[in-house]
């Protein structure tokens, strides 16, 4: 069974909510257009960010912006 959760736009982070809550990824993202992406394993990323607190703060800022943008788009989509 598949369920459409939303559409991502340029700059969005795939799996940001999963990264923040520590849940294992139980979803797939499907690209319908060409994309350029990066992939990080959570363990090494956690260790890197723990050793680099300034980078962790910047990453948290971008995660917050990413989630806020997704929430705003979801609310607009639900209202229409």
N, C-alpha and C. Protein backbone atom coordinates (compact mmCIF):
# COMPACT_ATOMS: atom_id res chain seq x y z
N UNK A 1 0.84 -1.17 0.00
CA UNK A 1 0.00 0.00 0.00
C UNK A 1 0.89 1.24 0.00
N UNK A 2 0.58 2.20 -0.85
CA UNK A 2 1.36 3.44 -0.87
C UNK A 2 0.47 4.61 -0.46
N UNK A 3 1.13 5.61 0.07
CA UNK A 3 0.42 6.80 0.56
C UNK A 3 1.24 8.02 0.18
N UNK A 4 0.62 8.96 -0.48
CA UNK A 4 1.29 10.20 -0.86
C UNK A 4 1.31 11.14 0.33
N UNK A 5 2.51 11.49 0.80
CA UNK A 5 2.62 12.37 1.95
C UNK A 5 2.83 13.82 1.57
N UNK A 6 3.39 14.06 0.42
CA UNK A 6 3.63 15.44 0.01
C UNK A 6 4.68 15.51 -1.07
N UNK A 7 4.86 16.71 -1.53
CA UNK A 7 5.83 16.98 -2.59
C UNK A 7 6.95 17.83 -2.02
N UNK A 8 8.17 17.48 -2.33
CA UNK A 8 9.31 18.25 -1.87
C UNK A 8 9.70 19.26 -2.95
N UNK A 9 10.31 20.33 -2.52
CA UNK A 9 10.79 21.35 -3.45
C UNK A 9 12.29 21.48 -3.28
N UNK A 10 12.91 22.23 -4.17
CA UNK A 10 14.36 22.41 -4.13
C UNK A 10 14.79 22.86 -2.74
N UNK A 11 15.79 22.22 -2.20
CA UNK A 11 16.32 22.56 -0.89
C UNK A 11 15.72 21.78 0.26
N UNK A 12 14.63 21.05 0.03
CA UNK A 12 14.02 20.25 1.09
C UNK A 12 14.93 19.09 1.47
N UNK A 13 14.79 18.66 2.72
CA UNK A 13 15.56 17.54 3.24
C UNK A 13 14.63 16.34 3.33
N UNK A 14 15.00 15.25 2.69
CA UNK A 14 14.21 14.03 2.74
C UNK A 14 14.54 13.32 4.05
N UNK A 15 13.52 13.00 4.83
CA UNK A 15 13.74 12.27 6.08
C UNK A 15 14.08 13.14 7.27
N UNK A 16 13.82 14.43 7.19
CA UNK A 16 14.20 15.32 8.29
C UNK A 16 13.48 14.97 9.59
N UNK A 17 12.21 14.65 9.54
CA UNK A 17 11.48 14.29 10.77
C UNK A 17 12.02 12.98 11.35
N UNK A 18 12.34 12.04 10.49
CA UNK A 18 12.91 10.77 10.96
C UNK A 18 14.26 10.99 11.61
N UNK A 19 15.04 11.89 11.04
CA UNK A 19 16.36 12.18 11.60
C UNK A 19 16.23 12.77 13.00
N UNK A 20 15.26 13.65 13.18
CA UNK A 20 15.09 14.32 14.48
C UNK A 20 14.54 13.40 15.56
N UNK A 21 13.61 12.50 15.19
CA UNK A 21 13.01 11.67 16.23
C UNK A 21 13.71 10.32 16.39
N UNK A 22 14.68 10.02 15.55
CA UNK A 22 15.47 8.80 15.69
C UNK A 22 14.79 7.53 15.22
N UNK A 23 13.62 7.66 14.60
CA UNK A 23 12.91 6.48 14.11
C UNK A 23 13.62 5.91 12.88
N UNK A 24 13.57 4.60 12.72
CA UNK A 24 14.12 4.03 11.49
C UNK A 24 13.22 4.42 10.31
N UNK A 25 13.83 4.61 9.17
CA UNK A 25 13.08 5.01 7.98
C UNK A 25 12.23 3.84 7.51
N UNK A 26 10.93 4.03 7.52
CA UNK A 26 9.99 3.02 7.06
C UNK A 26 9.20 3.55 5.86
N UNK A 27 9.81 4.50 5.15
CA UNK A 27 9.16 5.11 4.00
C UNK A 27 10.16 5.21 2.85
N UNK A 28 9.63 5.38 1.67
CA UNK A 28 10.46 5.60 0.50
C UNK A 28 10.13 6.95 -0.10
N UNK A 29 11.13 7.60 -0.65
CA UNK A 29 10.92 8.83 -1.41
C UNK A 29 11.15 8.49 -2.87
N UNK A 30 10.28 8.98 -3.74
CA UNK A 30 10.39 8.70 -5.17
C UNK A 30 10.58 10.02 -5.90
N UNK A 31 11.64 10.12 -6.67
CA UNK A 31 11.89 11.32 -7.47
C UNK A 31 11.18 11.17 -8.81
N UNK A 32 10.39 12.17 -9.16
CA UNK A 32 9.69 12.14 -10.44
C UNK A 32 10.35 13.05 -11.45
N UNK A 33 11.36 13.79 -11.02
CA UNK A 33 12.17 14.64 -11.88
C UNK A 33 13.63 14.42 -11.49
N UNK A 34 14.57 14.82 -12.35
CA UNK A 34 15.98 14.67 -11.98
C UNK A 34 16.29 15.45 -10.70
N UNK A 35 17.10 14.85 -9.84
CA UNK A 35 17.49 15.49 -8.58
C UNK A 35 18.99 15.35 -8.37
N UNK A 36 19.51 16.24 -7.55
CA UNK A 36 20.88 16.11 -7.07
C UNK A 36 20.75 15.92 -5.56
N UNK A 37 21.36 14.89 -5.03
CA UNK A 37 21.14 14.58 -3.62
C UNK A 37 22.43 14.17 -2.94
N UNK A 38 22.34 14.18 -1.60
CA UNK A 38 23.40 13.68 -0.74
C UNK A 38 22.76 12.72 0.24
N UNK A 39 23.52 11.75 0.69
CA UNK A 39 22.99 10.78 1.64
C UNK A 39 23.98 10.64 2.79
N UNK A 40 23.45 10.67 4.01
CA UNK A 40 24.28 10.48 5.19
C UNK A 40 23.73 9.33 6.01
N UNK A 41 24.61 8.51 6.51
CA UNK A 41 24.23 7.52 7.50
C UNK A 41 24.07 8.26 8.83
N UNK A 42 23.05 7.93 9.60
CA UNK A 42 22.74 8.67 10.82
C UNK A 42 23.86 8.55 11.85
N UNK A 43 24.40 7.37 12.06
CA UNK A 43 25.46 7.18 13.06
C UNK A 43 26.67 8.08 12.83
N UNK A 44 27.31 7.99 11.65
CA UNK A 44 28.45 8.87 11.40
C UNK A 44 28.09 10.36 11.43
N UNK A 45 26.89 10.69 10.97
CA UNK A 45 26.45 12.09 11.01
C UNK A 45 26.33 12.54 12.47
N UNK A 46 25.73 11.73 13.32
CA UNK A 46 25.63 12.07 14.74
C UNK A 46 27.00 12.28 15.36
N UNK A 47 27.94 11.39 15.07
CA UNK A 47 29.28 11.52 15.63
C UNK A 47 29.96 12.80 15.13
N UNK A 48 29.81 13.08 13.84
CA UNK A 48 30.41 14.29 13.28
C UNK A 48 29.82 15.53 13.94
N UNK A 49 28.50 15.57 14.06
CA UNK A 49 27.84 16.75 14.65
C UNK A 49 28.17 16.89 16.13
N UNK A 50 28.34 15.77 16.83
CA UNK A 50 28.73 15.82 18.24
C UNK A 50 30.12 16.44 18.40
N UNK A 51 30.98 16.16 17.46
CA UNK A 51 32.35 16.69 17.51
C UNK A 51 32.44 18.11 16.96
N UNK A 52 31.39 18.58 16.31
CA UNK A 52 31.39 19.90 15.68
C UNK A 52 30.12 20.66 16.04
N UNK A 53 30.05 21.20 17.26
CA UNK A 53 28.81 21.82 17.73
C UNK A 53 28.33 23.00 16.89
N UNK A 54 29.23 23.76 16.31
CA UNK A 54 28.80 24.88 15.45
C UNK A 54 28.08 24.35 14.21
N UNK A 55 28.61 23.29 13.64
CA UNK A 55 27.96 22.68 12.48
C UNK A 55 26.62 22.09 12.89
N UNK A 56 26.54 21.50 14.07
CA UNK A 56 25.28 20.95 14.57
C UNK A 56 24.22 22.04 14.66
N UNK A 57 24.60 23.22 15.17
CA UNK A 57 23.63 24.31 15.28
C UNK A 57 23.13 24.76 13.91
N UNK A 58 24.02 24.82 12.94
CA UNK A 58 23.61 25.21 11.58
C UNK A 58 22.69 24.14 11.00
N UNK A 59 23.02 22.88 11.19
CA UNK A 59 22.18 21.79 10.69
C UNK A 59 20.81 21.84 11.34
N UNK A 60 20.74 22.09 12.63
CA UNK A 60 19.46 22.18 13.32
C UNK A 60 18.63 23.34 12.78
N UNK A 61 19.28 24.45 12.45
CA UNK A 61 18.57 25.59 11.88
C UNK A 61 17.94 25.20 10.55
N UNK A 62 18.70 24.50 9.71
CA UNK A 62 18.16 24.10 8.40
C UNK A 62 17.08 23.03 8.55
N UNK A 63 17.22 22.13 9.51
CA UNK A 63 16.17 21.14 9.76
C UNK A 63 14.88 21.83 10.20
N UNK A 64 15.01 22.83 11.08
CA UNK A 64 13.82 23.56 11.55
C UNK A 64 13.14 24.28 10.38
N UNK A 65 13.92 24.94 9.55
CA UNK A 65 13.35 25.62 8.37
C UNK A 65 12.68 24.63 7.43
N UNK A 66 13.33 23.49 7.25
CA UNK A 66 12.79 22.46 6.36
C UNK A 66 11.44 21.98 6.87
N UNK A 67 11.36 21.64 8.15
CA UNK A 67 10.10 21.14 8.71
C UNK A 67 9.02 22.22 8.72
N UNK A 68 9.40 23.46 9.01
CA UNK A 68 8.42 24.54 9.00
C UNK A 68 7.85 24.75 7.59
N UNK A 69 8.70 24.69 6.59
CA UNK A 69 8.24 24.83 5.21
C UNK A 69 7.31 23.71 4.80
N UNK A 70 7.64 22.49 5.19
CA UNK A 70 6.78 21.34 4.86
C UNK A 70 5.43 21.45 5.57
N UNK A 71 5.44 21.87 6.83
CA UNK A 71 4.20 22.03 7.57
C UNK A 71 3.33 23.12 6.95
N UNK A 72 3.94 24.23 6.59
CA UNK A 72 3.19 25.32 5.96
C UNK A 72 2.55 24.86 4.65
N UNK A 73 3.31 24.15 3.82
CA UNK A 73 2.75 23.66 2.55
C UNK A 73 1.62 22.66 2.79
N UNK A 74 1.77 21.80 3.82
CA UNK A 74 0.73 20.83 4.13
C UNK A 74 -0.53 21.52 4.59
N UNK A 75 -0.41 22.55 5.40
CA UNK A 75 -1.58 23.29 5.88
C UNK A 75 -2.29 24.01 4.74
N UNK A 76 -1.53 24.60 3.84
CA UNK A 76 -2.12 25.28 2.67
C UNK A 76 -2.83 24.26 1.80
N UNK A 77 -2.20 23.09 1.60
CA UNK A 77 -2.81 22.03 0.77
C UNK A 77 -4.10 21.53 1.40
N UNK A 78 -4.10 21.38 2.74
CA UNK A 78 -5.30 20.90 3.43
C UNK A 78 -6.43 21.93 3.38
N UNK A 79 -6.09 23.21 3.44
CA UNK A 79 -7.09 24.27 3.43
C UNK A 79 -7.74 24.45 2.06
N UNK A 80 -7.05 24.03 1.01
CA UNK A 80 -7.63 24.24 -0.34
C UNK A 80 -8.43 23.06 -0.83
